[in-house]
């Protein structure tokens, strides 16, 4: 791991993913988690204060980045819920089949190299009646914004830890065997539409 990936990138991501507008969107889905929770791409643990501790037994925090796990230490110390780290990528979830009540995805699908395998793993570990809760950014439905996203994506990914601007969040979730229960889409910033087309919602196994 390079100095940039371990020391600088976690700080950039933490700042970018904790703005008031983004935290407001996170707050629409994270409190809906219940039971034994798997948070994929926990990062610096920005979601911990948003969990309803009366509804959550524990949270498995899947985060492969050592730098992000180090940055999470302060949030872990004041966490209202018990957290167990899983230091592996989303493509390798070390949990048993049907062992998770809810899965939380916040600004994660954009960076997982093989999102298809990761979603297969999430489907595998989620209980039959479990819920997938998501808050992600992705591909815009507007053609002019799409073209800009496609143009910027290669450079953007190199600068921001493999983040993709142009993944189709809802479509990718549905193609992985999930059925959308509810979903809201919006631009968070009209001046940076290429990076702020947001999708939030809940899904179950189809």
N, C-alpha and C. Protein backbone atom coordinates (compact mmCIF):
# COMPACT_ATOMS: atom_id res chain seq x y z
N UNK A 1 0.85 -1.19 0.00
CA UNK A 1 0.00 0.00 0.00
C UNK A 1 0.88 1.25 0.00
N UNK A 2 0.60 2.20 -0.87
CA UNK A 2 1.41 3.40 -0.99
C UNK A 2 1.11 4.38 0.14
N UNK A 3 2.00 5.36 0.31
CA UNK A 3 1.81 6.41 1.31
C UNK A 3 0.51 7.15 1.04
N UNK A 4 0.23 7.43 -0.23
CA UNK A 4 -0.99 8.15 -0.59
C UNK A 4 -2.23 7.34 -0.18
N UNK A 5 -2.22 6.03 -0.46
CA UNK A 5 -3.38 5.19 -0.15
C UNK A 5 -3.60 5.02 1.35
N UNK A 6 -2.51 4.97 2.12
CA UNK A 6 -2.64 4.72 3.55
C UNK A 6 -2.84 5.99 4.36
N UNK A 7 -2.19 7.10 3.96
CA UNK A 7 -2.20 8.30 4.79
C UNK A 7 -3.09 9.43 4.25
N UNK A 8 -3.04 9.64 2.95
CA UNK A 8 -3.73 10.80 2.37
C UNK A 8 -5.14 10.48 1.91
N UNK A 9 -5.29 9.39 1.15
CA UNK A 9 -6.59 9.04 0.60
C UNK A 9 -7.67 8.85 1.68
N UNK A 10 -7.39 8.15 2.79
CA UNK A 10 -8.42 8.02 3.83
C UNK A 10 -8.93 9.36 4.34
N UNK A 11 -8.03 10.35 4.45
CA UNK A 11 -8.45 11.68 4.90
C UNK A 11 -9.35 12.34 3.86
N UNK A 12 -8.99 12.24 2.59
CA UNK A 12 -9.79 12.83 1.52
C UNK A 12 -11.19 12.21 1.49
N UNK A 13 -11.23 10.88 1.54
CA UNK A 13 -12.51 10.18 1.48
C UNK A 13 -13.36 10.51 2.70
N UNK A 14 -12.73 10.55 3.86
CA UNK A 14 -13.47 10.85 5.08
C UNK A 14 -14.11 12.23 5.01
N UNK A 15 -13.37 13.20 4.53
CA UNK A 15 -13.91 14.56 4.41
C UNK A 15 -15.02 14.63 3.37
N UNK A 16 -14.79 13.99 2.21
CA UNK A 16 -15.76 14.04 1.13
C UNK A 16 -17.06 13.31 1.45
N UNK A 17 -16.97 12.28 2.29
CA UNK A 17 -18.14 11.46 2.60
C UNK A 17 -18.82 11.82 3.91
N UNK A 18 -18.41 12.95 4.48
CA UNK A 18 -19.02 13.34 5.76
C UNK A 18 -19.57 14.76 5.74
N UNK A 19 -19.83 15.30 4.55
CA UNK A 19 -20.43 16.63 4.47
C UNK A 19 -21.85 16.57 5.03
N UNK A 20 -22.40 17.69 5.48
CA UNK A 20 -23.76 17.69 6.04
C UNK A 20 -24.81 17.08 5.11
N UNK A 21 -24.73 17.38 3.81
CA UNK A 21 -25.72 16.85 2.87
C UNK A 21 -25.63 15.33 2.77
N UNK A 22 -24.41 14.82 2.75
CA UNK A 22 -24.23 13.37 2.65
C UNK A 22 -24.66 12.68 3.94
N UNK A 23 -24.33 13.28 5.07
CA UNK A 23 -24.75 12.68 6.34
C UNK A 23 -26.27 12.67 6.45
N UNK A 24 -26.92 13.68 5.89
CA UNK A 24 -28.39 13.71 5.90
C UNK A 24 -28.96 12.55 5.10
N UNK A 25 -28.33 12.21 3.97
CA UNK A 25 -28.79 11.08 3.17
C UNK A 25 -28.52 9.76 3.89
N UNK A 26 -27.35 9.65 4.50
CA UNK A 26 -27.05 8.44 5.26
C UNK A 26 -28.11 8.20 6.34
N UNK A 27 -28.54 9.29 6.95
CA UNK A 27 -29.50 9.21 8.06
C UNK A 27 -30.88 8.74 7.62
N UNK A 28 -31.12 8.68 6.33
CA UNK A 28 -32.41 8.19 5.83
C UNK A 28 -32.46 6.67 5.76
N UNK A 29 -31.27 6.01 5.74
CA UNK A 29 -31.26 4.55 5.59
C UNK A 29 -30.61 3.81 6.76
N UNK A 30 -29.52 4.33 7.31
CA UNK A 30 -28.79 3.61 8.35
C UNK A 30 -29.66 3.28 9.56
N UNK A 31 -30.51 4.20 10.05
CA UNK A 31 -31.33 3.87 11.23
C UNK A 31 -32.33 2.74 10.98
N UNK A 32 -32.52 2.35 9.73
CA UNK A 32 -33.45 1.26 9.41
C UNK A 32 -32.83 -0.11 9.61
N UNK A 33 -31.51 -0.17 9.82
CA UNK A 33 -30.82 -1.44 10.02
C UNK A 33 -31.25 -2.07 11.34
N UNK A 34 -31.26 -3.39 11.38
CA UNK A 34 -31.70 -4.09 12.59
C UNK A 34 -31.01 -5.44 12.71
N UNK A 35 -31.06 -6.00 13.92
CA UNK A 35 -30.51 -7.33 14.14
C UNK A 35 -29.00 -7.38 14.00
N UNK A 36 -28.52 -8.46 13.40
CA UNK A 36 -27.10 -8.61 13.09
C UNK A 36 -26.85 -7.94 11.74
N UNK A 37 -26.05 -6.90 11.75
CA UNK A 37 -25.88 -6.04 10.57
C UNK A 37 -24.49 -6.24 9.95
N UNK A 38 -24.45 -6.26 8.65
CA UNK A 38 -23.19 -6.23 7.91
C UNK A 38 -23.10 -4.89 7.20
N UNK A 39 -22.09 -4.11 7.54
CA UNK A 39 -21.84 -2.88 6.81
C UNK A 39 -20.65 -3.11 5.88
N UNK A 40 -20.90 -3.07 4.60
CA UNK A 40 -19.87 -3.33 3.59
C UNK A 40 -19.19 -2.01 3.22
N UNK A 41 -17.88 -1.95 3.42
CA UNK A 41 -17.16 -0.71 3.18
C UNK A 41 -17.40 0.27 4.31
N UNK A 42 -17.10 -0.15 5.53
CA UNK A 42 -17.39 0.70 6.68
C UNK A 42 -16.53 1.96 6.70
N UNK A 43 -15.38 1.93 6.05
CA UNK A 43 -14.53 3.11 5.98
C UNK A 43 -14.11 3.61 7.34
N UNK A 44 -14.31 4.89 7.60
CA UNK A 44 -13.93 5.48 8.88
C UNK A 44 -15.06 5.44 9.90
N UNK A 45 -16.04 4.58 9.65
CA UNK A 45 -17.16 4.34 10.58
C UNK A 45 -18.02 5.57 10.79
N UNK A 46 -18.30 6.30 9.72
CA UNK A 46 -19.13 7.50 9.81
C UNK A 46 -20.58 7.19 10.17
N UNK A 47 -21.01 5.96 9.91
CA UNK A 47 -22.42 5.63 10.14
C UNK A 47 -22.75 5.25 11.57
N UNK A 48 -21.76 5.01 12.40
CA UNK A 48 -22.02 4.41 13.70
C UNK A 48 -23.01 5.20 14.56
N UNK A 49 -22.92 6.50 14.55
CA UNK A 49 -23.84 7.32 15.36
C UNK A 49 -25.27 7.27 14.84
N UNK A 50 -25.44 6.78 13.62
CA UNK A 50 -26.77 6.79 13.00
C UNK A 50 -27.57 5.51 13.27
N UNK A 51 -26.89 4.46 13.75
CA UNK A 51 -27.59 3.21 14.02
C UNK A 51 -28.53 3.38 15.22
N UNK A 52 -29.65 2.68 15.17
CA UNK A 52 -30.57 2.63 16.30
C UNK A 52 -30.09 1.49 17.21
N UNK A 53 -29.42 1.83 18.29
CA UNK A 53 -28.81 0.81 19.14
C UNK A 53 -29.84 -0.09 19.81
N UNK A 54 -31.10 0.34 19.84
CA UNK A 54 -32.14 -0.51 20.43
C UNK A 54 -32.60 -1.60 19.46
N UNK A 55 -32.24 -1.45 18.19
CA UNK A 55 -32.67 -2.40 17.17
C UNK A 55 -31.53 -3.27 16.63
N UNK A 56 -30.29 -2.91 16.96
CA UNK A 56 -29.13 -3.60 16.39
C UNK A 56 -28.43 -4.44 17.44
N UNK A 57 -28.16 -5.71 17.12
CA UNK A 57 -27.41 -6.58 18.02
C UNK A 57 -25.92 -6.30 17.93
N UNK A 58 -25.42 -6.25 16.71
CA UNK A 58 -24.01 -5.95 16.45
C UNK A 58 -23.84 -5.60 14.99
N UNK A 59 -22.70 -5.01 14.68
CA UNK A 59 -22.38 -4.65 13.30
C UNK A 59 -21.05 -5.30 12.92
N UNK A 60 -21.09 -6.08 11.84
CA UNK A 60 -19.85 -6.55 11.24
C UNK A 60 -19.39 -5.47 10.26
N UNK A 61 -18.23 -4.91 10.50
CA UNK A 61 -17.72 -3.85 9.64
C UNK A 61 -16.70 -4.39 8.65
N UNK A 62 -17.09 -4.52 7.40
CA UNK A 62 -16.18 -5.02 6.37
C UNK A 62 -15.41 -3.86 5.76
N UNK A 63 -14.10 -3.85 5.95
CA UNK A 63 -13.28 -2.75 5.44
C UNK A 63 -11.85 -3.25 5.20
N UNK A 64 -11.45 -3.38 3.93
CA UNK A 64 -10.11 -3.89 3.63
C UNK A 64 -8.98 -2.89 3.83
N UNK A 65 -9.28 -1.60 3.86
CA UNK A 65 -8.24 -0.57 3.95
C UNK A 65 -7.74 -0.39 5.38
N UNK A 66 -6.46 -0.65 5.59
CA UNK A 66 -5.87 -0.45 6.91
C UNK A 66 -5.95 1.02 7.31
N UNK A 67 -5.72 1.91 6.35
CA UNK A 67 -5.77 3.34 6.62
C UNK A 67 -7.14 3.79 7.09
N UNK A 68 -8.19 3.26 6.48
CA UNK A 68 -9.53 3.63 6.87
C UNK A 68 -9.88 3.05 8.24
N UNK A 69 -9.43 1.83 8.53
CA UNK A 69 -9.71 1.23 9.83
C UNK A 69 -9.03 2.01 10.95
N UNK A 70 -7.83 2.51 10.69
CA UNK A 70 -7.13 3.33 11.67
C UNK A 70 -7.90 4.62 11.93
N UNK A 71 -8.40 5.22 10.84
CA UNK A 71 -9.14 6.48 10.98
C UNK A 71 -10.45 6.26 11.72
N UNK A 72 -10.96 5.04 11.69
CA UNK A 72 -12.24 4.74 12.33
C UNK A 72 -12.14 4.61 13.84
N UNK A 73 -10.93 4.52 14.38
CA UNK A 73 -10.76 4.20 15.80
C UNK A 73 -11.51 5.17 16.72
N UNK A 74 -11.51 6.45 16.40
CA UNK A 74 -12.18 7.44 17.24
C UNK A 74 -13.69 7.21 17.26
N UNK A 75 -14.25 6.90 16.10
CA UNK A 75 -15.69 6.66 16.03
C UNK A 75 -16.07 5.35 16.73
N UNK A 76 -15.18 4.37 16.67
CA UNK A 76 -15.46 3.09 17.32
C UNK A 76 -15.53 3.25 18.84
N UNK A 77 -14.69 4.09 19.39
CA UNK A 77 -14.64 4.28 20.84
C UNK A 77 -15.95 4.84 21.40
N UNK A 78 -16.65 5.62 20.60
CA UNK A 78 -17.90 6.22 21.08
C UNK A 78 -19.14 5.59 20.45
N UNK A 79 -18.94 4.43 19.81
CA UNK A 79 -20.04 3.78 19.10
C UNK A 79 -21.13 3.28 20.04
N UNK A 80 -22.39 3.51 19.68
CA UNK A 80 -23.50 3.00 20.50
C UNK A 80 -23.77 1.52 20.25
N UNK A 81 -23.11 0.94 19.23
CA UNK A 81 -23.31 -0.47 18.91
C UNK A 81 -21.97 -1.20 18.90
N UNK A 82 -22.03 -2.51 19.13
CA UNK A 82 -20.82 -3.34 19.12
C UNK A 82 -20.40 -3.60 17.67
N UNK A 83 -19.12 -3.43 17.40
CA UNK A 83 -18.59 -3.61 16.04
C UNK A 83 -17.51 -4.68 16.03
N UNK A 84 -17.57 -5.56 15.03
CA UNK A 84 -16.52 -6.54 14.78
C UNK A 84 -15.96 -6.29 13.38
N UNK A 85 -14.66 -6.03 13.29
CA UNK A 85 -14.03 -5.76 11.99
C UNK A 85 -13.89 -7.03 11.18
N UNK A 86 -14.13 -6.90 9.89
CA UNK A 86 -13.83 -7.94 8.92
C UNK A 86 -12.90 -7.29 7.90
N UNK A 87 -11.60 -7.56 8.00
CA UNK A 87 -10.63 -6.87 7.16
C UNK A 87 -10.43 -7.51 5.81
N UNK A 88 -11.51 -7.72 5.09
CA UNK A 88 -11.45 -8.33 3.76
C UNK A 88 -12.27 -7.50 2.78
N UNK A 89 -12.02 -7.67 1.47
CA UNK A 89 -12.81 -6.93 0.48
C UNK A 89 -14.22 -7.49 0.37
N UNK A 90 -15.09 -6.71 -0.30
CA UNK A 90 -16.49 -7.10 -0.43
C UNK A 90 -16.69 -8.39 -1.19
N UNK A 91 -15.71 -8.78 -2.01
CA UNK A 91 -15.83 -10.02 -2.77
C UNK A 91 -15.60 -11.25 -1.90
N UNK A 92 -15.14 -11.04 -0.66
CA UNK A 92 -14.83 -12.16 0.24
C UNK A 92 -15.44 -11.89 1.62
N UNK A 93 -16.70 -12.18 1.77
CA UNK A 93 -17.37 -11.93 3.04
C UNK A 93 -17.30 -13.21 3.88
N UNK A 94 -16.54 -13.19 4.99
CA UNK A 94 -16.32 -14.41 5.78
C UNK A 94 -17.43 -14.69 6.79
N UNK A 95 -18.66 -14.74 6.28
CA UNK A 95 -19.81 -15.03 7.13
C UNK A 95 -20.59 -16.20 6.53
N UNK A 96 -21.35 -16.87 7.37
CA UNK A 96 -22.12 -18.02 6.91
C UNK A 96 -23.33 -17.59 6.09
N UNK A 97 -23.85 -18.52 5.30
CA UNK A 97 -25.06 -18.26 4.52
C UNK A 97 -26.21 -17.85 5.44
N UNK A 98 -27.00 -16.91 4.98
CA UNK A 98 -28.22 -16.47 5.70
C UNK A 98 -27.95 -16.17 7.17
N UNK A 99 -26.89 -15.41 7.43
CA UNK A 99 -26.51 -15.10 8.82
C UNK A 99 -26.71 -13.64 9.19
N UNK A 100 -27.16 -12.82 8.24
CA UNK A 100 -27.25 -11.37 8.46
C UNK A 100 -28.69 -10.90 8.29
N UNK A 101 -29.15 -10.06 9.22
CA UNK A 101 -30.51 -9.53 9.14
C UNK A 101 -30.61 -8.34 8.19
N UNK A 102 -29.59 -7.50 8.19
CA UNK A 102 -29.60 -6.35 7.29
C UNK A 102 -28.19 -5.99 6.86
N UNK A 103 -28.09 -5.45 5.66
CA UNK A 103 -26.82 -5.04 5.08
C UNK A 103 -26.89 -3.55 4.78
N UNK A 104 -25.85 -2.83 5.15
CA UNK A 104 -25.78 -1.39 4.92
C UNK A 104 -24.69 -1.10 3.90
N UNK A 105 -25.08 -0.38 2.85
CA UNK A 105 -24.15 0.03 1.80
C UNK A 105 -24.22 1.55 1.66
N UNK A 106 -23.17 2.26 2.04
CA UNK A 106 -23.15 3.70 1.86
C UNK A 106 -21.85 4.10 1.18
N UNK A 107 -21.98 4.56 -0.05
CA UNK A 107 -20.84 5.02 -0.85
C UNK A 107 -19.75 3.96 -0.91
N UNK A 108 -20.19 2.76 -1.29
CA UNK A 108 -19.32 1.58 -1.33
C UNK A 108 -19.30 0.90 -2.69
N UNK A 109 -20.46 0.75 -3.31
CA UNK A 109 -20.54 0.03 -4.58
C UNK A 109 -19.69 0.66 -5.67
N UNK A 110 -19.43 1.94 -5.52
CA UNK A 110 -18.64 2.64 -6.54
C UNK A 110 -17.18 2.20 -6.55
N UNK A 111 -16.69 1.66 -5.44
CA UNK A 111 -15.26 1.36 -5.34
C UNK A 111 -14.91 -0.12 -5.38
N UNK A 112 -15.87 -1.02 -5.16
CA UNK A 112 -15.56 -2.45 -5.15
C UNK A 112 -15.16 -2.88 -6.56
N UNK A 113 -13.95 -3.42 -6.75
CA UNK A 113 -13.49 -3.79 -8.09
C UNK A 113 -14.45 -4.73 -8.82
N UNK A 114 -14.84 -5.84 -8.20
CA UNK A 114 -15.78 -6.77 -8.82
C UNK A 114 -17.11 -6.70 -8.06
N UNK A 115 -17.91 -5.71 -8.40
CA UNK A 115 -19.16 -5.50 -7.66
C UNK A 115 -20.12 -6.66 -7.82
N UNK A 116 -20.05 -7.37 -8.95
CA UNK A 116 -20.96 -8.50 -9.16
C UNK A 116 -20.71 -9.61 -8.15
N UNK A 117 -19.45 -9.97 -7.95
CA UNK A 117 -19.12 -11.00 -6.97
C UNK A 117 -19.48 -10.53 -5.57
N UNK A 118 -19.22 -9.25 -5.28
CA UNK A 118 -19.54 -8.70 -3.96
C UNK A 118 -21.05 -8.78 -3.70
N UNK A 119 -21.86 -8.45 -4.70
CA UNK A 119 -23.31 -8.51 -4.53
C UNK A 119 -23.78 -9.95 -4.36
N UNK A 120 -23.14 -10.88 -5.05
CA UNK A 120 -23.47 -12.30 -4.87
C UNK A 120 -23.20 -12.73 -3.43
N UNK A 121 -22.10 -12.24 -2.87
CA UNK A 121 -21.77 -12.55 -1.48
C UNK A 121 -22.78 -11.94 -0.51
N UNK A 122 -23.21 -10.74 -0.79
CA UNK A 122 -24.22 -10.09 0.06
C UNK A 122 -25.54 -10.86 0.01
N UNK A 123 -25.90 -11.28 -1.18
CA UNK A 123 -27.13 -12.06 -1.35
C UNK A 123 -27.02 -13.37 -0.56
N UNK A 124 -25.84 -13.96 -0.58
CA UNK A 124 -25.62 -15.24 0.10
C UNK A 124 -25.78 -15.11 1.62
N UNK A 125 -25.20 -14.08 2.20
CA UNK A 125 -25.20 -13.97 3.68
C UNK A 125 -26.47 -13.36 4.24
N UNK A 126 -27.27 -12.70 3.40
CA UNK A 126 -28.50 -12.07 3.89
C UNK A 126 -29.58 -13.12 4.12
N UNK A 127 -30.28 -13.00 5.25
CA UNK A 127 -31.37 -13.91 5.55
C UNK A 127 -32.51 -13.73 4.54
N UNK A 128 -33.34 -14.77 4.34
CA UNK A 128 -34.42 -14.69 3.35
C UNK A 128 -35.32 -13.47 3.50
N UNK A 129 -35.58 -13.03 4.74
CA UNK A 129 -36.44 -11.87 4.96
C UNK A 129 -35.64 -10.62 5.30
N UNK A 130 -34.33 -10.67 5.07
CA UNK A 130 -33.47 -9.54 5.42
C UNK A 130 -33.59 -8.37 4.47
N UNK A 131 -32.93 -7.27 4.82
CA UNK A 131 -33.01 -6.05 4.00
C UNK A 131 -31.62 -5.55 3.62
N UNK A 132 -31.52 -5.08 2.41
CA UNK A 132 -30.34 -4.39 1.91
C UNK A 132 -30.66 -2.90 1.87
N UNK A 133 -29.92 -2.11 2.65
CA UNK A 133 -30.17 -0.67 2.74
C UNK A 133 -29.02 0.05 2.04
N UNK A 134 -29.33 0.95 1.12
CA UNK A 134 -28.26 1.55 0.33
C UNK A 134 -28.38 3.06 0.20
N UNK A 135 -27.23 3.70 0.14
CA UNK A 135 -27.11 5.13 -0.10
C UNK A 135 -25.83 5.29 -0.92
N UNK A 136 -26.00 5.46 -2.23
CA UNK A 136 -24.86 5.40 -3.14
C UNK A 136 -24.93 6.53 -4.18
N UNK A 137 -23.80 6.82 -4.79
CA UNK A 137 -23.79 7.73 -5.94
C UNK A 137 -23.46 6.93 -7.19
N UNK A 138 -23.93 7.42 -8.33
CA UNK A 138 -23.68 6.65 -9.54
C UNK A 138 -24.05 7.38 -10.82
N UNK A 139 -24.38 6.58 -11.81
CA UNK A 139 -24.61 7.08 -13.16
C UNK A 139 -25.87 7.95 -13.25
N UNK A 140 -25.72 9.10 -13.85
CA UNK A 140 -26.84 10.00 -14.04
C UNK A 140 -27.74 9.53 -15.18
N UNK A 141 -29.06 9.81 -15.12
CA UNK A 141 -29.96 9.48 -16.21
C UNK A 141 -29.92 10.52 -17.33
N UNK A 142 -29.21 11.63 -17.11
CA UNK A 142 -29.13 12.70 -18.10
C UNK A 142 -27.93 12.49 -19.02
N UNK A 143 -28.17 12.49 -20.32
CA UNK A 143 -27.13 12.12 -21.28
C UNK A 143 -25.90 13.02 -21.22
N UNK A 144 -26.10 14.31 -21.02
CA UNK A 144 -24.95 15.22 -20.98
C UNK A 144 -24.08 14.94 -19.76
N UNK A 145 -24.71 14.62 -18.63
CA UNK A 145 -23.96 14.30 -17.41
C UNK A 145 -23.29 12.93 -17.56
N UNK A 146 -23.99 12.00 -18.18
CA UNK A 146 -23.42 10.67 -18.43
C UNK A 146 -22.12 10.77 -19.22
N UNK A 147 -22.15 11.57 -20.26
CA UNK A 147 -20.95 11.71 -21.11
C UNK A 147 -19.78 12.26 -20.30
N UNK A 148 -20.05 13.23 -19.44
CA UNK A 148 -19.00 13.79 -18.60
C UNK A 148 -18.49 12.75 -17.61
N UNK A 149 -19.40 11.98 -17.03
CA UNK A 149 -18.99 10.93 -16.09
C UNK A 149 -18.07 9.91 -16.77
N UNK A 150 -18.44 9.49 -17.96
CA UNK A 150 -17.62 8.52 -18.69
C UNK A 150 -16.24 9.09 -19.03
N UNK A 151 -16.22 10.36 -19.34
CA UNK A 151 -14.96 11.00 -19.70
C UNK A 151 -14.03 11.14 -18.49
N UNK A 152 -14.61 11.51 -17.35
CA UNK A 152 -13.81 11.75 -16.14
C UNK A 152 -13.46 10.48 -15.38
N UNK A 153 -14.21 9.42 -15.60
CA UNK A 153 -14.11 8.24 -14.74
C UNK A 153 -12.70 7.65 -14.60
N UNK A 154 -11.92 7.49 -15.68
CA UNK A 154 -10.58 6.91 -15.51
C UNK A 154 -9.68 7.69 -14.56
N UNK A 155 -9.67 9.01 -14.71
CA UNK A 155 -8.82 9.85 -13.85
C UNK A 155 -9.39 9.90 -12.44
N UNK A 156 -10.71 10.02 -12.33
CA UNK A 156 -11.37 10.07 -11.03
C UNK A 156 -11.03 8.83 -10.21
N UNK A 157 -11.09 7.68 -10.85
CA UNK A 157 -10.80 6.43 -10.15
C UNK A 157 -9.39 6.38 -9.60
N UNK A 158 -8.44 6.89 -10.35
CA UNK A 158 -7.05 6.88 -9.90
C UNK A 158 -6.84 7.81 -8.71
N UNK A 159 -7.56 8.91 -8.70
CA UNK A 159 -7.40 9.88 -7.62
C UNK A 159 -8.13 9.47 -6.34
N UNK A 160 -9.26 8.76 -6.50
CA UNK A 160 -10.12 8.51 -5.34
C UNK A 160 -10.32 7.02 -5.07
N UNK A 161 -9.24 6.29 -5.04
CA UNK A 161 -9.27 4.91 -4.56
C UNK A 161 -10.12 3.94 -5.35
N UNK A 162 -10.19 4.12 -6.67
CA UNK A 162 -10.97 3.21 -7.50
C UNK A 162 -12.44 3.54 -7.59
N UNK A 163 -12.84 4.71 -7.11
CA UNK A 163 -14.24 5.14 -7.17
C UNK A 163 -14.67 5.31 -8.63
N UNK A 164 -15.86 4.78 -8.94
CA UNK A 164 -16.44 4.93 -10.28
C UNK A 164 -17.62 5.90 -10.23
N UNK A 165 -17.64 6.81 -11.18
CA UNK A 165 -18.73 7.79 -11.25
C UNK A 165 -19.96 7.24 -11.96
N UNK A 166 -19.78 6.20 -12.76
CA UNK A 166 -20.82 5.84 -13.73
C UNK A 166 -21.43 4.45 -13.56
N UNK A 167 -21.44 3.93 -12.35
CA UNK A 167 -22.11 2.65 -12.14
C UNK A 167 -23.61 2.88 -11.89
N UNK A 168 -24.43 2.00 -12.46
CA UNK A 168 -25.89 2.13 -12.35
C UNK A 168 -26.35 1.43 -11.06
N UNK A 169 -26.48 2.18 -10.01
CA UNK A 169 -26.69 1.63 -8.68
C UNK A 169 -27.93 0.72 -8.59
N UNK A 170 -29.10 1.26 -8.89
CA UNK A 170 -30.33 0.49 -8.73
C UNK A 170 -30.35 -0.71 -9.67
N UNK A 171 -29.95 -0.50 -10.91
CA UNK A 171 -29.92 -1.60 -11.89
C UNK A 171 -28.99 -2.71 -11.42
N UNK A 172 -27.82 -2.34 -10.92
CA UNK A 172 -26.86 -3.35 -10.46
C UNK A 172 -27.40 -4.15 -9.28
N UNK A 173 -28.11 -3.48 -8.39
CA UNK A 173 -28.70 -4.18 -7.25
C UNK A 173 -29.78 -5.15 -7.72
N UNK A 174 -30.62 -4.70 -8.64
CA UNK A 174 -31.69 -5.56 -9.16
C UNK A 174 -31.13 -6.75 -9.92
N UNK A 175 -30.09 -6.52 -10.70
CA UNK A 175 -29.50 -7.61 -11.48
C UNK A 175 -28.78 -8.63 -10.60
N UNK A 176 -28.59 -8.31 -9.33
CA UNK A 176 -27.94 -9.22 -8.39
C UNK A 176 -28.94 -10.07 -7.63
N UNK A 177 -30.21 -9.99 -8.01
CA UNK A 177 -31.23 -10.84 -7.40
C UNK A 177 -32.07 -10.16 -6.33
N UNK A 178 -31.92 -8.86 -6.18
CA UNK A 178 -32.68 -8.13 -5.17
C UNK A 178 -33.88 -7.42 -5.80
N UNK A 179 -34.91 -7.23 -4.99
CA UNK A 179 -36.10 -6.49 -5.40
C UNK A 179 -36.16 -5.19 -4.61
N UNK A 180 -36.26 -4.08 -5.31
CA UNK A 180 -36.30 -2.77 -4.65
C UNK A 180 -37.65 -2.58 -3.95
N UNK A 181 -37.59 -2.27 -2.65
CA UNK A 181 -38.81 -1.96 -1.89
C UNK A 181 -39.19 -0.49 -2.07
N UNK A 182 -38.23 0.38 -1.91
CA UNK A 182 -38.43 1.80 -2.15
C UNK A 182 -37.10 2.42 -2.56
N UNK A 183 -37.18 3.51 -3.30
CA UNK A 183 -35.97 4.11 -3.84
C UNK A 183 -36.22 5.57 -4.18
N UNK A 184 -35.29 6.44 -3.78
CA UNK A 184 -35.32 7.85 -4.15
C UNK A 184 -34.01 8.20 -4.86
N UNK A 185 -34.12 8.99 -5.91
CA UNK A 185 -32.94 9.43 -6.65
C UNK A 185 -32.95 10.95 -6.73
N UNK A 186 -31.76 11.53 -6.63
CA UNK A 186 -31.69 12.98 -6.69
C UNK A 186 -30.25 13.44 -6.93
N UNK A 187 -30.11 14.67 -7.43
CA UNK A 187 -28.80 15.33 -7.47
C UNK A 187 -28.60 16.04 -6.14
N UNK A 188 -27.45 15.82 -5.55
CA UNK A 188 -27.18 16.49 -4.29
C UNK A 188 -26.60 17.88 -4.51
N UNK A 189 -25.93 18.06 -5.64
CA UNK A 189 -25.29 19.35 -5.92
C UNK A 189 -25.43 19.66 -7.41
N UNK A 190 -26.17 20.70 -7.75
CA UNK A 190 -26.42 21.02 -9.15
C UNK A 190 -25.17 21.49 -9.88
N UNK A 191 -24.14 21.88 -9.13
CA UNK A 191 -22.90 22.35 -9.75
C UNK A 191 -21.89 21.22 -9.95
N UNK A 192 -22.17 20.05 -9.38
CA UNK A 192 -21.28 18.89 -9.55
C UNK A 192 -22.13 17.65 -9.80
N UNK A 193 -23.02 17.74 -10.77
CA UNK A 193 -23.93 16.64 -11.04
C UNK A 193 -23.20 15.35 -11.39
N UNK A 194 -22.03 15.47 -11.99
CA UNK A 194 -21.29 14.28 -12.42
C UNK A 194 -20.89 13.40 -11.23
N UNK A 195 -20.82 13.95 -10.03
CA UNK A 195 -20.39 13.18 -8.86
C UNK A 195 -21.45 13.08 -7.78
N UNK A 196 -22.61 13.66 -8.03
CA UNK A 196 -23.59 13.73 -6.93
C UNK A 196 -24.99 13.25 -7.31
N UNK A 197 -25.08 12.29 -8.25
CA UNK A 197 -26.38 11.68 -8.51
C UNK A 197 -26.55 10.55 -7.50
N UNK A 198 -27.44 10.73 -6.55
CA UNK A 198 -27.57 9.83 -5.42
C UNK A 198 -28.78 8.90 -5.54
N UNK A 199 -28.60 7.70 -5.05
CA UNK A 199 -29.69 6.72 -4.98
C UNK A 199 -29.73 6.15 -3.57
N UNK A 200 -30.88 6.28 -2.92
CA UNK A 200 -31.04 5.71 -1.59
C UNK A 200 -32.26 4.81 -1.62
N UNK A 201 -32.27 3.80 -0.74
CA UNK A 201 -33.42 2.93 -0.73
C UNK A 201 -33.21 1.65 0.06
N UNK A 202 -34.16 0.74 -0.13
CA UNK A 202 -34.16 -0.55 0.56
C UNK A 202 -34.53 -1.64 -0.44
N UNK A 203 -33.90 -2.82 -0.28
CA UNK A 203 -34.17 -3.92 -1.17
C UNK A 203 -34.23 -5.23 -0.38
N UNK A 204 -34.96 -6.20 -0.93
CA UNK A 204 -35.05 -7.53 -0.32
C UNK A 204 -34.68 -8.57 -1.38
N UNK A 205 -34.52 -9.81 -0.96
CA UNK A 205 -34.26 -10.88 -1.92
C UNK A 205 -35.50 -11.10 -2.77
N UNK A 206 -35.32 -11.15 -4.06
CA UNK A 206 -36.46 -11.34 -4.97
C UNK A 206 -36.99 -12.76 -4.83
